[in-house]
Each structure stands twice: as structure tokens, then as C-alpha cells.
Amino acid sequence: KEGDPEPKDALKAGVFPHERGNVKIELAWTIAPLILVSWLTFLSLAPLNYMWDIPDTEDADVTVDVTAGSWYWGFEYANGYEKPEEFTKCSGSINCIEVPANSIIRFNVTSLDVLHAFYLPDMGIKQDAVPGLNTATWVDTSMVSARDEPYRIYCTEYCGNSHSQMLAEIYVTEVNSE
């Protein structure tokens, strides 16, 4: 309004404005988050490297060949693994597998037809099944509990009309070591 005093920091034509920031504070709120994010990245690398370091077939207690097809999961024990007598929950090798508790299980995953994704949410595993390509993932069954109910396996890559029925079960069973 007419007659009101001009604010002290009002802009004036031809005059460069005064700096209103605080360099120390701006540096602090830039550098502190950078240090925090760097530290969190460093902390997260060890578990990621552990998960990405897939054991060789001979280092795993059990190796399972997983084959995806329209619309099923096929399982086969590899390397001459003898199925223990405690394994009584799966009658066949389609959509059901039983693995021993307290073991390192390696899964060799492939597909016969289209892209699929082998997903065990309770075990934190997801691996793409690609036609003509052998991929691998693994789980340490000592990290999950042996139980009578199965853990669910899903396909998380849309693979056709019956994609939603592409379900399987994995049982973790205690095995006598005698």
C-alpha cells in the first residue's frame, strides 16, 4: 500500500539480492544424508553377497532340478540323491517337492516353453525360469521351520491363460541323520 515502509530485504531493481541461506546448514543437510545412505549401502552389501553366492552343486546338501511348463512345476532330485523314507508328503514330482530341514538346497531352474518365475515368498526366493537357459538359486532350510503344512511356490511371470493356477508346494521335513 501507499505509505507502508518497504521491507528490509525487498528486491530493488539493479541491485543483486542478499543471500538468505546458511552455507553451514546447507552443507550439513547434504553431507549427513549422504553419509547415512553410504553407511546403509555398506551394511546391506554383506547379506546381498551372501544370498547371491550360490553354492556349487557339490557343495549343496541337495540339488533339485526345477522345470517350468505350461502350467506346472516339475521337480527332480539331481546327482543321485536318495529320497529319505521320511519324505511321505508328495506322491509325484509335479507341483510338489520335499526337502530336508537344516540343509542347503540348490535349485537349478529352467523352462520348457515361456518365461516363468520360481517364487517362494516364505523363503525369500525368486528366480526367473527362461527357456533354454539354466539359472540357479538356493535356500538354507535351517532358516525356515520344518512343518506339516507346505510352503507355497508361485509363478510370478505372466505365462498364459492358466498362469494363476501355476502353484506348487514345498515341504521342509526333519530327516534322521542315522
Protein backbone atom coordinates (compact mmCIF):
# COMPACT_ATOMS: atom_id res chain seq x y z
CA LYS A 1 0.00 0.00 0.00
CA GLU A 2 0.93 3.58 -0.40
CA GLY A 3 2.94 4.88 2.53
CA ASP A 4 3.92 1.49 4.01
CA PRO A 5 7.63 1.15 4.70
CA GLU A 6 9.49 -1.17 2.34
CA PRO A 7 10.67 -4.42 3.93
CA LYS A 8 14.35 -4.50 4.72
CA ASP A 9 15.01 -7.39 2.31
CA ALA A 10 12.77 -6.21 -0.55
CA LEU A 11 14.24 -6.63 -4.03
CA LYS A 12 15.41 -3.47 -5.73
CA ALA A 13 15.96 -3.03 -9.44
CA GLY A 14 19.62 -3.18 -10.44
CA VAL A 15 20.79 -4.48 -7.05
CA PHE A 16 21.90 -8.09 -6.55
CA PRO A 17 19.79 -9.64 -3.73
CA HIS A 18 21.35 -10.58 -0.41
CA GLU A 19 21.96 -14.26 0.22
CA ARG A 20 19.30 -15.63 2.52
CA GLY A 21 20.71 -19.11 3.06
CA ASN A 22 23.17 -20.54 5.52
CA VAL A 23 26.03 -22.40 3.87
CA LYS A 24 26.89 -24.40 7.01
CA ILE A 25 23.34 -25.69 7.41
CA GLU A 26 23.01 -26.50 3.71
CA LEU A 27 26.27 -28.43 3.75
CA ALA A 28 25.18 -30.28 6.89
CA TRP A 29 21.84 -31.42 5.46
CA THR A 30 23.53 -32.50 2.26
CA ILE A 31 26.51 -34.33 3.77
CA ALA A 32 24.70 -36.02 6.70
CA PRO A 33 22.18 -37.90 4.49
CA LEU A 34 25.00 -38.80 2.09
CA ILE A 35 26.95 -40.38 4.96
CA LEU A 36 23.82 -42.18 6.23
CA VAL A 37 22.91 -43.59 2.80
CA SER A 38 26.52 -44.66 2.21
CA TRP A 39 26.62 -46.45 5.57
CA LEU A 40 23.28 -48.23 4.93
CA THR A 41 24.51 -49.30 1.49
CA PHE A 42 27.67 -50.72 3.05
CA LEU A 43 25.64 -52.62 5.68
CA SER A 44 23.32 -54.12 3.08
CA LEU A 45 26.07 -55.48 0.82
CA ALA A 46 27.11 -58.33 3.13
CA PRO A 47 23.68 -60.02 3.22
CA LEU A 48 23.22 -59.47 -0.51
CA ASN A 49 26.57 -61.05 -1.31
CA TYR A 50 25.63 -63.97 0.94
CA MET A 51 22.37 -64.52 -0.96
CA TRP A 52 23.92 -64.05 -4.40
CA ASP A 53 26.74 -66.50 -3.71
CA ILE A 54 25.00 -69.65 -4.99
CA PRO A 55 26.66 -72.83 -3.71
CA ASP A 56 28.10 -75.21 -6.29
CA THR A 57 26.18 -78.41 -6.91
CA GLU A 58 28.71 -80.46 -4.95
CA ASP A 59 28.61 -78.01 -2.01
CA ALA A 60 24.82 -78.16 -1.64
CA ASP A 61 23.27 -80.86 0.56
CA VAL A 62 20.52 -81.40 -2.03
CA THR A 63 20.24 -80.21 -5.63
CA VAL A 64 16.80 -80.05 -7.20
CA ASP A 65 16.20 -79.57 -10.92
CA VAL A 66 13.12 -77.37 -11.35
CA THR A 67 11.40 -77.33 -14.73
CA ALA A 68 8.58 -74.91 -15.51
CA GLY A 69 5.98 -75.80 -18.10
CA SER A 70 2.51 -74.71 -19.07
CA TRP A 71 1.24 -74.54 -16.18
CA TYR A 72 3.09 -76.70 -13.72
CA TRP A 73 6.36 -77.03 -11.83
CA GLY A 74 8.34 -80.24 -12.29
CA PHE A 75 10.88 -81.28 -9.65
CA GLU A 76 13.64 -83.87 -9.81
CA TYR A 77 16.39 -84.61 -7.29
CA ALA A 78 19.77 -84.31 -9.02
CA ASN A 79 23.09 -86.09 -8.52
CA GLY A 80 21.58 -89.39 -7.40
CA TYR A 81 20.06 -88.01 -4.20
CA GLU A 82 18.23 -90.81 -2.40
CA LYS A 83 14.81 -89.73 -1.21
CA PRO A 84 14.68 -90.40 2.59
CA GLU A 85 11.91 -92.59 4.00
CA GLU A 86 10.64 -89.58 5.99
CA PHE A 87 9.55 -87.97 2.71
CA THR A 88 5.90 -89.05 2.54
CA LYS A 89 4.01 -85.89 1.65
CA CYS A 90 4.48 -85.74 -2.15
CA SER A 91 3.19 -88.59 -4.28
CA GLY A 92 4.82 -87.41 -7.52
CA SER A 93 7.27 -84.90 -8.88
CA ILE A 94 4.76 -82.43 -10.36
CA ASN A 95 3.84 -79.37 -8.26
CA CYS A 96 5.22 -80.91 -5.05
CA ILE A 97 8.70 -81.37 -3.59
CA GLU A 98 10.02 -82.35 -0.20
CA VAL A 99 13.42 -81.20 1.07
CA PRO A 100 15.29 -81.95 4.29
CA ALA A 101 15.38 -79.45 7.14
CA ASN A 102 18.69 -77.87 8.17
CA SER A 103 20.18 -78.26 4.70
CA ILE A 104 21.46 -76.16 1.84
CA ILE A 105 19.16 -76.72 -1.14
CA ARG A 106 20.25 -75.64 -4.61
CA PHE A 107 17.55 -75.21 -7.26
CA ASN A 108 18.55 -75.43 -10.94
CA VAL A 109 15.70 -73.64 -12.71
CA THR A 110 14.68 -73.73 -16.38
CA SER A 111 11.58 -73.54 -18.54
CA LEU A 112 10.24 -75.68 -21.37
CA ASP A 113 8.09 -73.07 -23.07
CA VAL A 114 7.82 -69.41 -21.99
CA LEU A 115 9.19 -67.18 -19.23
CA HIS A 116 8.15 -68.21 -15.73
CA ALA A 117 9.37 -67.09 -12.31
CA PHE A 118 10.01 -69.55 -9.46
CA TYR A 119 8.87 -67.71 -6.31
CA LEU A 120 8.94 -68.94 -2.70
CA PRO A 121 7.79 -65.90 -0.70
CA ASP A 122 8.23 -67.53 2.73
CA MET A 123 11.85 -68.30 1.92
CA GLY A 124 12.63 -65.03 0.17
CA ILE A 125 13.50 -66.61 -3.18
CA LYS A 126 12.56 -65.56 -6.70
CA GLN A 127 14.34 -66.83 -9.80
CA ASP A 128 13.39 -66.45 -13.45
CA ALA A 129 12.83 -69.63 -15.44
CA VAL A 130 13.94 -68.91 -19.01
CA PRO A 131 13.55 -71.36 -21.92
CA GLY A 132 16.93 -72.75 -22.93
CA LEU A 133 18.77 -71.13 -20.02
CA ASN A 134 19.74 -72.80 -16.76
CA THR A 135 19.57 -70.46 -13.79
CA ALA A 136 20.11 -71.27 -10.13
CA THR A 137 19.06 -70.17 -6.69
CA TRP A 138 19.32 -71.67 -3.24
CA VAL A 139 17.85 -71.74 0.25
CA ASP A 140 19.17 -72.67 3.67
CA THR A 141 16.29 -74.63 5.21
CA SER A 142 17.68 -74.06 8.70
CA MET A 143 16.31 -70.52 8.29
CA VAL A 144 12.71 -71.78 7.99
CA SER A 145 10.81 -74.16 10.21
CA ALA A 146 10.06 -77.77 9.37
CA ARG A 147 6.29 -78.17 9.45
CA ASP A 148 3.46 -80.35 8.21
CA GLU A 149 1.95 -77.56 6.12
CA PRO A 150 3.64 -76.78 2.82
CA TYR A 151 5.33 -73.59 1.80
CA ARG A 152 3.77 -72.24 -1.39
CA ILE A 153 5.53 -71.83 -4.71
CA TYR A 154 4.12 -69.38 -7.24
CA CYS A 155 4.85 -68.28 -10.78
CA THR A 156 5.24 -64.51 -10.78
CA GLU A 157 5.80 -64.01 -14.51
CA TYR A 158 2.59 -63.94 -16.55
CA CYS A 159 2.82 -67.08 -18.67
CA GLY A 160 -0.59 -67.52 -20.29
CA ASN A 161 -4.23 -68.30 -19.61
CA SER A 162 -3.74 -70.61 -16.62
CA HIS A 163 -0.95 -68.60 -15.01
CA SER A 164 -2.99 -68.15 -11.83
CA GLN A 165 -3.18 -71.93 -11.36
CA MET A 166 0.59 -72.43 -11.64
CA LEU A 167 1.07 -73.26 -7.97
CA ALA A 168 3.24 -75.81 -6.22
CA GLU A 169 4.18 -76.86 -2.70
CA ILE A 170 7.48 -77.43 -0.95
CA TYR A 171 7.65 -79.33 2.33
CA VAL A 172 10.58 -78.96 4.71
CA THR A 173 10.84 -82.25 6.62
CA GLU A 174 13.05 -83.33 9.52
CA VAL A 175 15.25 -86.25 8.48
CA ASN A 176 17.06 -88.65 10.81
CA SER A 177 20.79 -88.42 10.19
CA GLU A 178 21.48 -92.05 11.09
